[in-house]
Amino acid sequence: MGVSSCPDNISPLTLKWIFKNKHDEEQTVIRNKSRLVVRGYRQEEGIDFEESFAPVTRMEAIRIFLAYAAHKSFIVFQMDVKTAFLHGSLKEDVYVCQPKGFIDADHPSHVYKLKKALYGLKQAPRA
């Protein structure tokens, strides 16, 4: 994210903090977690983004891959892509307001221009 002034024809999206507590077996809080998300429900198709879809693999393709790997005696390692949404670069210019608690005192009216996708963006699944 880079702080800048917002173009006149763009209304920046707002951000929201999501807080969650992790508990152990006895319901004692062991960790506090937070996540900053975009209120993407305010985006309008055709104005803020062109299309929204999530590329997913069909189950048949996974079965073929595993069958081929077993036939060739390949070792298949498990992979987890929970943060795949956050690694994609954005094609459109997306501006967001400064999050509460992190407002620049010198430039309170400036906004952030996103370089990577954040949770909540309509573009996140395809970034």
C-alpha atoms as a PDB file:
ATOM      1  CA  MET A   1       0.000   0.000   0.000  1.00  0.00           C
ATOM      2  CA  GLY A   2       1.189   3.475  -0.762  1.00  0.00           C
ATOM      3  CA  VAL A   3      -0.378   6.626   0.692  1.00  0.00           C
ATOM      4  CA  SER A   4      -1.504   9.203  -1.872  1.00  0.00           C
ATOM      5  CA  SER A   5      -4.259  11.670  -2.593  1.00  0.00           C
ATOM      6  CA  CYS A   6      -7.379  10.176  -4.130  1.00  0.00           C
ATOM      7  CA  PRO A   7      -8.355  11.027  -7.723  1.00  0.00           C
ATOM      8  CA  ASP A   8     -11.502  13.158  -7.973  1.00  0.00           C
ATOM      9  CA  ASN A   9     -13.577  10.570  -9.857  1.00  0.00           C
ATOM     10  CA  ILE A  10     -12.866   7.757  -7.361  1.00  0.00           C
ATOM     11  CA  SER A  11     -14.566   7.180  -4.022  1.00  0.00           C
ATOM     12  CA  PRO A  12     -12.251   5.119  -1.803  1.00  0.00           C
ATOM     13  CA  LEU A  13     -13.466   1.930  -0.176  1.00  0.00           C
ATOM     14  CA  THR A  14     -13.577   1.702   3.591  1.00  0.00           C
ATOM     15  CA  LEU A  15     -11.752  -0.845   5.720  1.00  0.00           C
ATOM     16  CA  LYS A  16     -12.902  -2.835   8.720  1.00  0.00           C
ATOM     17  CA  TRP A  17     -10.992  -4.620  11.467  1.00  0.00           C
ATOM     18  CA  ILE A  18     -12.077  -8.191  12.250  1.00  0.00           C
ATOM     19  CA  PHE A  19     -11.028  -9.499  15.671  1.00  0.00           C
ATOM     20  CA  LYS A  20     -10.995 -13.124  16.766  1.00  0.00           C
ATOM     21  CA  ASN A  21      -9.825 -14.944  19.889  1.00  0.00           C
ATOM     22  CA  LYS A  22      -8.257 -18.412  19.724  1.00  0.00           C
ATOM     23  CA  HIS A  23      -9.157 -20.658  22.666  1.00  0.00           C
ATOM     24  CA  ASP A  24      -7.647 -23.839  24.070  1.00  0.00           C
ATOM     25  CA  GLU A  25      -9.604 -26.892  25.273  1.00  0.00           C
ATOM     26  CA  GLU A  26     -10.613 -25.131  28.502  1.00  0.00           C
ATOM     27  CA  GLN A  27     -11.872 -22.055  26.608  1.00  0.00           C
ATOM     28  CA  THR A  28      -8.956 -19.937  27.850  1.00  0.00           C
ATOM     29  CA  VAL A  29      -7.888 -17.278  25.368  1.00  0.00           C
ATOM     30  CA  ILE A  30      -4.458 -18.241  24.038  1.00  0.00           C
ATOM     31  CA  ARG A  31      -4.129 -15.811  21.137  1.00  0.00           C
ATOM     32  CA  ASN A  32      -5.785 -12.658  19.857  1.00  0.00           C
ATOM     33  CA  LYS A  33      -5.970 -12.333  16.082  1.00  0.00           C
ATOM     34  CA  SER A  34      -6.976  -9.455  13.853  1.00  0.00           C
ATOM     35  CA  ARG A  35      -7.488  -9.028  10.133  1.00  0.00           C
ATOM     36  CA  LEU A  36      -7.994  -5.889   8.067  1.00  0.00           C
ATOM     37  CA  VAL A  37     -10.628  -6.389   5.368  1.00  0.00           C
ATOM     38  CA  VAL A  38     -12.117  -4.211   2.644  1.00  0.00           C
ATOM     39  CA  ARG A  39     -15.833  -3.543   2.601  1.00  0.00           C
ATOM     40  CA  GLY A  40     -16.068  -4.870  -0.940  1.00  0.00           C
ATOM     41  CA  TYR A  41     -19.856  -5.015  -0.924  1.00  0.00           C
ATOM     42  CA  ARG A  42     -19.725  -1.301  -1.774  1.00  0.00           C
ATOM     43  CA  GLN A  43     -17.998  -1.996  -5.097  1.00  0.00           C
ATOM     44  CA  GLU A  44     -20.082  -1.714  -8.251  1.00  0.00           C
ATOM     45  CA  GLU A  45     -19.570  -4.017 -11.215  1.00  0.00           C
ATOM     46  CA  GLY A  46     -18.476  -2.123 -14.318  1.00  0.00           C
ATOM     47  CA  ILE A  47     -17.209   0.807 -12.234  1.00  0.00           C
ATOM     48  CA  ASP A  48     -14.889  -0.636  -9.593  1.00  0.00           C
ATOM     49  CA  PHE A  49     -14.258  -4.024 -11.209  1.00  0.00           C
ATOM     50  CA  GLU A  50     -15.007  -5.817 -14.465  1.00  0.00           C
ATOM     51  CA  GLU A  51     -15.694  -9.394 -13.460  1.00  0.00           C
ATOM     52  CA  SER A  52     -15.603 -11.540 -10.363  1.00  0.00           C
ATOM     53  CA  PHE A  53     -14.879 -15.256 -10.315  1.00  0.00           C
ATOM     54  CA  ALA A  54     -12.689 -17.709  -8.452  1.00  0.00           C
ATOM     55  CA  PRO A  55     -10.639 -20.103 -10.571  1.00  0.00           C
ATOM     56  CA  VAL A  56     -11.053 -23.561  -9.055  1.00  0.00           C
ATOM     57  CA  THR A  57      -9.864 -26.980 -10.097  1.00  0.00           C
ATOM     58  CA  ARG A  58     -12.422 -29.587 -11.036  1.00  0.00           C
ATOM     59  CA  MET A  59     -12.410 -32.745  -8.928  1.00  0.00           C
ATOM     60  CA  GLU A  60     -11.771 -34.875 -12.034  1.00  0.00           C
ATOM     61  CA  ALA A  61      -8.516 -33.009 -12.700  1.00  0.00           C
ATOM     62  CA  ILE A  62      -7.308 -33.690  -9.165  1.00  0.00           C
ATOM     63  CA  ARG A  63      -8.178 -37.390  -9.480  1.00  0.00           C
ATOM     64  CA  ILE A  64      -6.328 -37.661 -12.810  1.00  0.00           C
ATOM     65  CA  PHE A  65      -3.293 -35.923 -11.326  1.00  0.00           C
ATOM     66  CA  LEU A  66      -3.225 -38.248  -8.299  1.00  0.00           C
ATOM     67  CA  ALA A  67      -3.711 -41.353 -10.462  1.00  0.00           C
ATOM     68  CA  TYR A  68      -0.849 -40.288 -12.742  1.00  0.00           C
ATOM     69  CA  ALA A  69       1.378 -39.536  -9.745  1.00  0.00           C
ATOM     70  CA  ALA A  70       0.615 -42.975  -8.265  1.00  0.00           C
ATOM     71  CA  HIS A  71       1.256 -44.689 -11.625  1.00  0.00           C
ATOM     72  CA  LYS A  72       4.673 -42.990 -11.941  1.00  0.00           C
ATOM     73  CA  SER A  73       5.474 -43.489  -8.217  1.00  0.00           C
ATOM     74  CA  PHE A  74       5.788 -39.749  -7.679  1.00  0.00           C
ATOM     75  CA  ILE A  75       5.774 -38.384  -4.172  1.00  0.00           C
ATOM     76  CA  VAL A  76       2.880 -35.978  -3.715  1.00  0.00           C
ATOM     77  CA  PHE A  77       3.291 -33.366  -1.010  1.00  0.00           C
ATOM     78  CA  GLN A  78       0.357 -31.629   0.608  1.00  0.00           C
ATOM     79  CA  MET A  79      -0.053 -27.944  -0.151  1.00  0.00           C
ATOM     80  CA  ASP A  80      -2.194 -25.400   1.629  1.00  0.00           C
ATOM     81  CA  VAL A  81      -3.116 -22.157  -0.118  1.00  0.00           C
ATOM     82  CA  LYS A  82      -5.164 -20.357   2.528  1.00  0.00           C
ATOM     83  CA  THR A  83      -3.643 -16.980   1.655  1.00  0.00           C
ATOM     84  CA  ALA A  84      -3.848 -17.292  -2.122  1.00  0.00           C
ATOM     85  CA  PHE A  85      -6.131 -14.247  -2.246  1.00  0.00           C
ATOM     86  CA  LEU A  86      -3.447 -12.077  -0.681  1.00  0.00           C
ATOM     87  CA  HIS A  87      -0.669 -12.921  -3.138  1.00  0.00           C
ATOM     88  CA  GLY A  88      -2.352 -11.750  -6.324  1.00  0.00           C
ATOM     89  CA  SER A  89      -1.564  -8.403  -7.917  1.00  0.00           C
ATOM     90  CA  LEU A  90      -4.444  -6.120  -8.830  1.00  0.00           C
ATOM     91  CA  LYS A  91      -5.160  -5.104 -12.419  1.00  0.00           C
ATOM     92  CA  GLU A  92      -7.380  -2.151 -11.475  1.00  0.00           C
ATOM     93  CA  ASP A  93      -6.504   0.829  -9.301  1.00  0.00           C
ATOM     94  CA  VAL A  94      -8.132   0.307  -5.911  1.00  0.00           C
ATOM     95  CA  TYR A  95      -8.090   3.048  -3.285  1.00  0.00           C
ATOM     96  CA  VAL A  96      -9.001   2.499   0.370  1.00  0.00           C
ATOM     97  CA  CYS A  97      -9.384   4.908   3.288  1.00  0.00           C
ATOM     98  CA  GLN A  98      -6.835   4.885   6.072  1.00  0.00           C
ATOM     99  CA  PRO A  99      -7.757   2.300   8.724  1.00  0.00           C
ATOM    100  CA  LYS A 100      -8.908   3.425  12.157  1.00  0.00           C
ATOM    101  CA  GLY A 101      -5.979   3.696  14.521  1.00  0.00           C
ATOM    102  CA  PHE A 102      -3.479   4.174  11.684  1.00  0.00           C
ATOM    103  CA  ILE A 103      -4.461   7.565  10.270  1.00  0.00           C
ATOM    104  CA  ASP A 104      -1.497   9.684   9.171  1.00  0.00           C
ATOM    105  CA  ALA A 105      -1.619  12.877  11.256  1.00  0.00           C
ATOM    106  CA  ASP A 106       0.136  14.873   8.508  1.00  0.00           C
ATOM    107  CA  HIS A 107      -2.215  13.671   5.742  1.00  0.00           C
ATOM    108  CA  PRO A 108      -5.552  12.590   7.276  1.00  0.00           C
ATOM    109  CA  SER A 109      -7.443  12.941   3.977  1.00  0.00           C
ATOM    110  CA  HIS A 110      -5.001  10.796   1.975  1.00  0.00           C
ATOM    111  CA  VAL A 111      -5.896   7.250   0.936  1.00  0.00           C
ATOM    112  CA  TYR A 112      -3.976   4.068   0.204  1.00  0.00           C
ATOM    113  CA  LYS A 113      -3.588   2.671  -3.297  1.00  0.00           C
ATOM    114  CA  LEU A 114      -3.515  -1.109  -3.005  1.00  0.00           C
ATOM    115  CA  LYS A 115      -0.767  -3.077  -4.724  1.00  0.00           C
ATOM    116  CA  LYS A 116      -2.028  -6.518  -3.666  1.00  0.00           C
ATOM    117  CA  ALA A 117      -5.484  -7.916  -2.982  1.00  0.00           C
ATOM    118  CA  LEU A 118      -7.095  -7.787   0.457  1.00  0.00           C
ATOM    119  CA  TYR A 119      -9.884  -9.941   1.826  1.00  0.00           C
ATOM    120  CA  GLY A 120     -13.269  -8.526   0.907  1.00  0.00           C
ATOM    121  CA  LEU A 121     -12.357  -7.183  -2.535  1.00  0.00           C
ATOM    122  CA  LYS A 122     -14.460  -8.447  -5.425  1.00  0.00           C
ATOM    123  CA  GLN A 123     -11.207  -8.797  -7.398  1.00  0.00           C
ATOM    124  CA  ALA A 124      -9.481 -10.924  -4.726  1.00  0.00           C
ATOM    125  CA  PRO A 125     -10.482 -14.367  -6.093  1.00  0.00           C
ATOM    126  CA  ARG A 126      -8.987 -13.669  -9.513  1.00  0.00           C
ATOM    127  CA  ALA A 127      -5.982 -11.548  -8.459  1.00  0.00           C
END
